[in-house]
Amino acid sequence: MTEARDARWVVVAVVVVAGAAWAWLALGPDRVPGLPGLPASSPADAPEMATALAARGGVRQSEWGATLGWLSGWVATVLAVMAVPALPLLLTFRRLACRRGHAAAPLVACGAAFVGVWVSAGIILMVGGGLARGIVARSDWLTAHPQVLSGSAAILAGVYQFTALKRTCLAACQRPIRAAVTSWRGAVDTATEAALVGARFAAVCVGCSWALMLVPFAVGADVVLVTFVTGVAMSAECVFSRIRALVAAVAVLTVGVGFGLLAGVLPPGFTA
């Protein structure tokens, strides 16, 4: 009875965290999370956002502050999108830890490491977005045709859906129970071992979804809306493992977005 009650508390906690994260993102669909008053954009816009904030409020905002503001929004996005897909892993891990007499610390370490890997992925995307904009800024031709880089990034995301690496990572991401059972031994340093389990599972999930994370960077429209749509697609791929057509549908839609960017139907995100 105690084990069932504890499991319910884990479910409730995950649902509350995910719901709160979605609510925070939804309350300001035209704003960057953590930086009120600024238009939604990618993290590569951090310097421009800082300038805009100083101009509008008379407050000097450093580039570091703008970057940290975007990262706080990224953490909210991770919690909103990936908390529910990670629930089977957390429940399995909690059951294993309780049966071996361990406290809640390993479960917390597992969840923290899971989020930490996703935050690291966000930092890599932020740097990549800044490099892409720098390439556009140094090329007169790309400055005149920014849709080429944006469209290519979206098409790449769609093509990646059909690769062997995508299938391998997706299969591992859809089986969180296997990750918990095969990777955790309940050794002396349980917190460290638990963190490794969460990090490894997050790594395969990132490997499954990194290409789709390029889409909000590529599209210059409402970034929060695009992030929501791609986030739901990534989450659905992990949760509904039996719907194989979903992966192909996401691929076709993403490639369509890429060609829409190349044709000028959608505004490009990688602009100078």
Protein backbone atom coordinates (compact mmCIF):
# COMPACT_ATOMS: atom_id res chain seq x y z
CA MET A 1 0.00 0.00 0.00
CA THR A 2 2.85 2.37 0.87
CA GLU A 3 4.60 1.58 -2.41
CA ALA A 4 1.44 2.36 -4.41
CA ARG A 5 0.95 5.61 -2.51
CA ASP A 6 4.55 6.65 -3.14
CA ALA A 7 4.11 5.89 -6.84
CA ARG A 8 1.07 8.12 -6.96
CA TRP A 9 3.05 10.94 -5.40
CA VAL A 10 5.72 10.58 -8.08
CA VAL A 11 3.06 10.74 -10.81
CA VAL A 12 1.39 13.76 -9.23
CA ALA A 13 4.73 15.55 -8.81
CA VAL A 14 5.74 14.96 -12.44
CA VAL A 15 2.35 16.07 -13.77
CA VAL A 16 2.38 19.20 -11.60
CA VAL A 17 5.91 20.12 -12.71
CA ALA A 18 5.08 19.57 -16.39
CA GLY A 19 1.80 21.50 -16.07
CA ALA A 20 3.49 24.41 -14.32
CA ALA A 21 6.18 24.54 -17.00
CA TRP A 22 3.59 24.56 -19.79
CA ALA A 23 1.62 27.27 -17.97
CA TRP A 24 4.72 29.45 -17.66
CA LEU A 25 5.48 29.07 -21.35
CA ALA A 26 1.85 29.65 -22.35
CA LEU A 27 1.31 32.76 -20.22
CA GLY A 28 3.60 34.81 -22.45
CA PRO A 29 3.47 33.31 -25.98
CA ASP A 30 4.98 36.50 -27.40
CA ARG A 31 7.77 36.75 -24.88
CA VAL A 32 11.04 35.04 -24.08
CA PRO A 33 10.75 33.17 -20.76
CA GLY A 34 12.75 34.94 -18.10
CA LEU A 35 13.01 38.20 -20.07
CA PRO A 36 9.63 39.96 -19.88
CA GLY A 37 8.89 42.52 -22.53
CA LEU A 38 11.05 41.07 -25.28
CA PRO A 39 9.81 39.40 -28.45
CA ALA A 40 10.19 35.64 -28.68
CA SER A 41 13.35 34.55 -30.39
CA SER A 42 16.16 32.03 -30.34
CA PRO A 43 19.04 32.20 -27.82
CA ALA A 44 21.34 33.44 -30.56
CA ASP A 45 19.44 36.73 -30.23
CA ALA A 46 20.65 37.23 -26.66
CA PRO A 47 22.82 40.29 -27.43
CA GLU A 48 20.03 41.91 -29.44
CA MET A 49 17.52 41.15 -26.68
CA ALA A 50 19.80 42.74 -24.09
CA THR A 51 20.05 45.90 -26.20
CA ALA A 52 16.29 46.00 -26.64
CA LEU A 53 15.73 45.65 -22.90
CA ALA A 54 18.14 48.49 -22.15
CA ALA A 55 16.50 50.70 -24.78
CA ARG A 56 12.97 50.04 -23.51
CA GLY A 57 13.50 50.12 -19.77
CA GLY A 58 16.64 52.13 -19.35
CA VAL A 59 18.20 49.10 -17.64
CA ARG A 60 21.54 47.70 -18.72
CA GLN A 61 21.18 43.97 -19.29
CA SER A 62 24.35 42.03 -19.99
CA GLU A 63 24.60 39.38 -22.65
CA TRP A 64 25.12 36.87 -19.87
CA GLY A 65 21.87 37.91 -18.27
CA ALA A 66 20.00 37.56 -21.54
CA THR A 67 21.54 34.15 -22.15
CA LEU A 68 20.66 32.95 -18.65
CA GLY A 69 17.14 34.24 -19.20
CA TRP A 70 16.81 32.13 -22.31
CA LEU A 71 18.28 29.10 -20.55
CA SER A 72 15.64 29.40 -17.83
CA GLY A 73 13.04 29.23 -20.59
CA TRP A 74 14.84 26.21 -22.06
CA VAL A 75 14.68 24.44 -18.68
CA ALA A 76 10.94 25.15 -18.55
CA THR A 77 10.58 23.73 -22.06
CA VAL A 78 12.51 20.59 -21.08
CA LEU A 79 10.33 20.06 -18.02
CA ALA A 80 7.18 20.66 -20.04
CA VAL A 81 8.09 18.34 -22.91
CA MET A 82 10.18 15.58 -21.36
CA ALA A 83 8.86 15.18 -17.80
CA VAL A 84 5.98 12.87 -18.78
CA PRO A 85 8.07 10.66 -21.14
CA ALA A 86 10.57 10.25 -18.28
CA LEU A 87 7.84 9.15 -15.86
CA PRO A 88 8.17 5.37 -16.57
CA LEU A 89 11.89 5.60 -15.83
CA LEU A 90 11.30 7.43 -12.56
CA LEU A 91 8.59 5.00 -11.44
CA THR A 92 10.72 1.97 -12.25
CA PHE A 93 13.72 3.51 -10.56
CA ARG A 94 11.69 4.38 -7.46
CA ARG A 95 10.43 0.80 -7.24
CA LEU A 96 13.93 -0.64 -7.53
CA ALA A 97 15.36 1.79 -4.98
CA CYS A 98 12.60 1.13 -2.45
CA ARG A 99 12.95 -2.64 -2.73
CA ARG A 100 16.66 -2.34 -1.99
CA GLY A 101 16.09 -0.15 1.02
CA HIS A 102 17.29 3.14 -0.46
CA ALA A 103 15.79 6.54 0.24
CA ALA A 104 14.50 9.12 -2.23
CA ALA A 105 17.96 10.61 -2.88
CA PRO A 106 18.74 8.28 -5.85
CA LEU A 107 15.44 9.20 -7.47
CA VAL A 108 16.21 12.91 -7.14
CA ALA A 109 19.72 12.36 -8.52
CA CYS A 110 18.31 10.46 -11.50
CA GLY A 111 15.84 13.24 -12.35
CA ALA A 112 18.40 16.00 -11.85
CA ALA A 113 20.90 14.30 -14.16
CA PHE A 114 18.18 13.80 -16.77
CA VAL A 115 17.38 17.52 -16.78
CA GLY A 116 21.08 18.41 -16.67
CA VAL A 117 21.84 16.58 -19.90
CA TRP A 118 18.97 18.38 -21.62
CA VAL A 119 20.24 21.73 -20.33
CA SER A 120 23.65 20.89 -21.80
CA ALA A 121 21.95 20.12 -25.12
CA GLY A 122 20.29 23.54 -24.96
CA ILE A 123 23.65 25.23 -24.44
CA ILE A 124 25.05 23.42 -27.48
CA LEU A 125 22.06 24.52 -29.54
CA MET A 126 22.49 28.07 -28.31
CA VAL A 127 26.13 28.13 -29.39
CA GLY A 128 25.24 26.52 -32.72
CA GLY A 129 22.51 29.07 -33.32
CA GLY A 130 24.96 31.88 -32.64
CA LEU A 131 27.50 30.38 -35.05
CA ALA A 132 24.84 30.02 -37.73
CA ARG A 133 23.85 33.65 -37.40
CA GLY A 134 27.50 34.64 -37.49
CA ILE A 135 27.92 32.73 -40.77
CA VAL A 136 24.94 34.56 -42.23
CA ALA A 137 26.27 37.91 -41.05
CA ARG A 138 29.66 37.32 -42.74
CA SER A 139 28.19 36.22 -46.06
CA ASP A 140 26.53 38.78 -48.31
CA TRP A 141 24.79 36.02 -50.24
CA LEU A 142 23.39 34.32 -47.11
CA THR A 143 22.39 37.69 -45.73
CA ALA A 144 20.32 38.19 -48.87
CA HIS A 145 19.06 34.56 -48.78
CA PRO A 146 18.76 33.56 -45.09
CA GLN A 147 16.04 31.06 -45.98
CA VAL A 148 18.71 28.75 -47.43
CA LEU A 149 20.25 27.99 -44.03
CA SER A 150 16.90 27.85 -42.26
CA GLY A 151 15.28 25.63 -44.87
CA SER A 152 18.28 23.32 -44.97
CA ALA A 153 18.20 22.92 -41.17
CA ALA A 154 14.50 21.98 -41.23
CA ILE A 155 14.98 19.53 -44.10
CA LEU A 156 17.92 17.98 -42.23
CA ALA A 157 15.65 17.48 -39.23
CA GLY A 158 13.11 15.69 -41.41
CA VAL A 159 15.66 13.46 -43.13
CA TYR A 160 17.20 12.50 -39.79
CA GLN A 161 13.87 10.87 -38.87
CA PHE A 162 14.67 8.04 -41.30
CA THR A 163 18.26 7.35 -40.21
CA ALA A 164 19.47 4.27 -38.32
CA LEU A 165 20.78 6.44 -35.46
CA LYS A 166 17.32 7.93 -35.01
CA ARG A 167 15.74 4.47 -34.87
CA THR A 168 18.31 3.23 -32.37
CA CYS A 169 17.95 6.22 -30.06
CA LEU A 170 14.17 6.20 -30.35
CA ALA A 171 13.99 2.51 -29.46
CA ALA A 172 16.10 3.14 -26.36
CA CYS A 173 14.11 6.24 -25.45
CA GLN A 174 10.85 4.28 -25.71
CA ARG A 175 12.12 1.69 -23.22
CA PRO A 176 13.00 3.63 -20.06
CA ILE A 177 12.26 0.58 -17.91
CA ARG A 178 15.09 -1.31 -19.60
CA ALA A 179 17.44 1.59 -18.92
CA ALA A 180 16.63 1.49 -15.22
CA VAL A 181 16.77 -2.29 -14.85
CA THR A 182 19.98 -2.87 -16.78
CA SER A 183 22.00 0.16 -15.64
CA TRP A 184 21.32 0.42 -11.92
CA ARG A 185 22.89 -2.03 -9.48
CA GLY A 186 22.21 -0.27 -6.18
CA ALA A 187 25.89 0.00 -5.30
CA VAL A 188 27.32 1.84 -2.32
CA ASP A 189 27.30 5.24 -4.05
CA THR A 190 23.67 5.00 -5.13
CA ALA A 191 23.24 8.70 -5.92
CA THR A 192 26.11 8.69 -8.41
CA GLU A 193 24.88 5.50 -10.04
CA ALA A 194 21.35 6.92 -10.21
CA ALA A 195 22.66 10.08 -11.86
CA LEU A 196 24.42 7.96 -14.49
CA VAL A 197 21.14 6.17 -15.25
CA GLY A 198 19.32 9.48 -15.73
CA ALA A 199 22.14 10.93 -17.82
CA ARG A 200 22.34 7.91 -20.11
CA PHE A 201 18.61 7.88 -20.68
CA ALA A 202 18.59 11.62 -21.38
CA ALA A 203 21.47 11.16 -23.84
CA VAL A 204 19.51 8.69 -25.98
CA CYS A 205 16.47 10.98 -25.84
CA VAL A 206 18.61 13.88 -27.03
CA GLY A 207 19.99 11.65 -29.77
CA CYS A 208 16.42 10.93 -30.77
CA SER A 209 15.24 14.55 -30.78
CA TRP A 210 18.22 16.84 -31.46
CA ALA A 211 17.32 17.36 -35.11
CA LEU A 212 13.74 18.37 -34.31
CA MET A 213 15.16 20.90 -31.84
CA LEU A 214 16.65 22.71 -34.83
CA VAL A 215 13.18 23.60 -36.15
CA PRO A 216 12.42 26.43 -33.66
CA PHE A 217 15.83 27.90 -34.53
CA ALA A 218 15.16 27.65 -38.26
CA VAL A 219 11.70 29.20 -38.24
CA GLY A 220 11.52 32.89 -37.53
CA ALA A 221 7.83 32.84 -36.66
CA ASP A 222 6.36 32.53 -33.13
CA VAL A 223 9.15 30.53 -31.50
CA VAL A 224 7.06 29.51 -28.47
CA LEU A 225 4.36 28.09 -30.76
CA VAL A 226 6.93 26.25 -32.90
CA THR A 227 8.62 24.94 -29.76
CA PHE A 228 5.26 23.72 -28.48
CA VAL A 229 4.49 21.85 -31.70
CA THR A 230 7.94 20.25 -31.99
CA GLY A 231 7.91 19.48 -28.27
CA VAL A 232 4.59 17.67 -28.54
CA ALA A 233 5.96 15.73 -31.54
CA MET A 234 9.11 14.69 -29.63
CA SER A 235 7.08 13.67 -26.60
CA ALA A 236 4.57 11.71 -28.68
CA GLU A 237 7.34 9.79 -30.43
CA CYS A 238 8.68 8.65 -27.07
CA VAL A 239 5.31 7.83 -25.48
CA PHE A 240 3.38 6.23 -28.37
CA SER A 241 5.89 3.62 -29.38
CA ARG A 242 3.40 1.55 -31.38
CA ILE A 243 2.47 4.35 -33.77
CA ARG A 244 5.34 3.95 -36.23
CA ALA A 245 3.65 6.19 -38.78
CA LEU A 246 4.06 9.10 -36.37
CA VAL A 247 7.81 9.30 -37.00
CA ALA A 248 7.26 9.39 -40.77
CA ALA A 249 4.48 11.97 -40.40
CA VAL A 250 6.76 14.23 -38.34
CA ALA A 251 9.46 13.80 -40.98
CA VAL A 252 7.15 14.77 -43.84
CA LEU A 253 5.82 17.78 -41.92
CA THR A 254 9.33 18.96 -41.04
CA VAL A 255 10.58 18.59 -44.60
CA GLY A 256 7.50 20.53 -45.71
CA VAL A 257 8.45 23.31 -43.30
CA GLY A 258 11.94 23.29 -44.80
CA PHE A 259 10.66 23.73 -48.32
CA GLY A 260 8.27 26.40 -47.07
CA LEU A 261 11.26 28.27 -45.70
CA LEU A 262 13.19 27.86 -48.96
CA ALA A 263 10.19 29.12 -50.92
CA GLY A 264 9.80 32.15 -48.67
CA VAL A 265 6.39 31.08 -47.36
CA LEU A 266 7.73 30.98 -43.80
CA PRO A 267 10.10 33.57 -42.29
CA PRO A 268 13.64 32.27 -41.72
CA GLY A 269 15.13 32.18 -38.25
CA PHE A 270 18.84 32.25 -39.08
CA THR A 271 19.08 35.91 -40.07
CA ALA A 272 21.91 38.31 -39.55
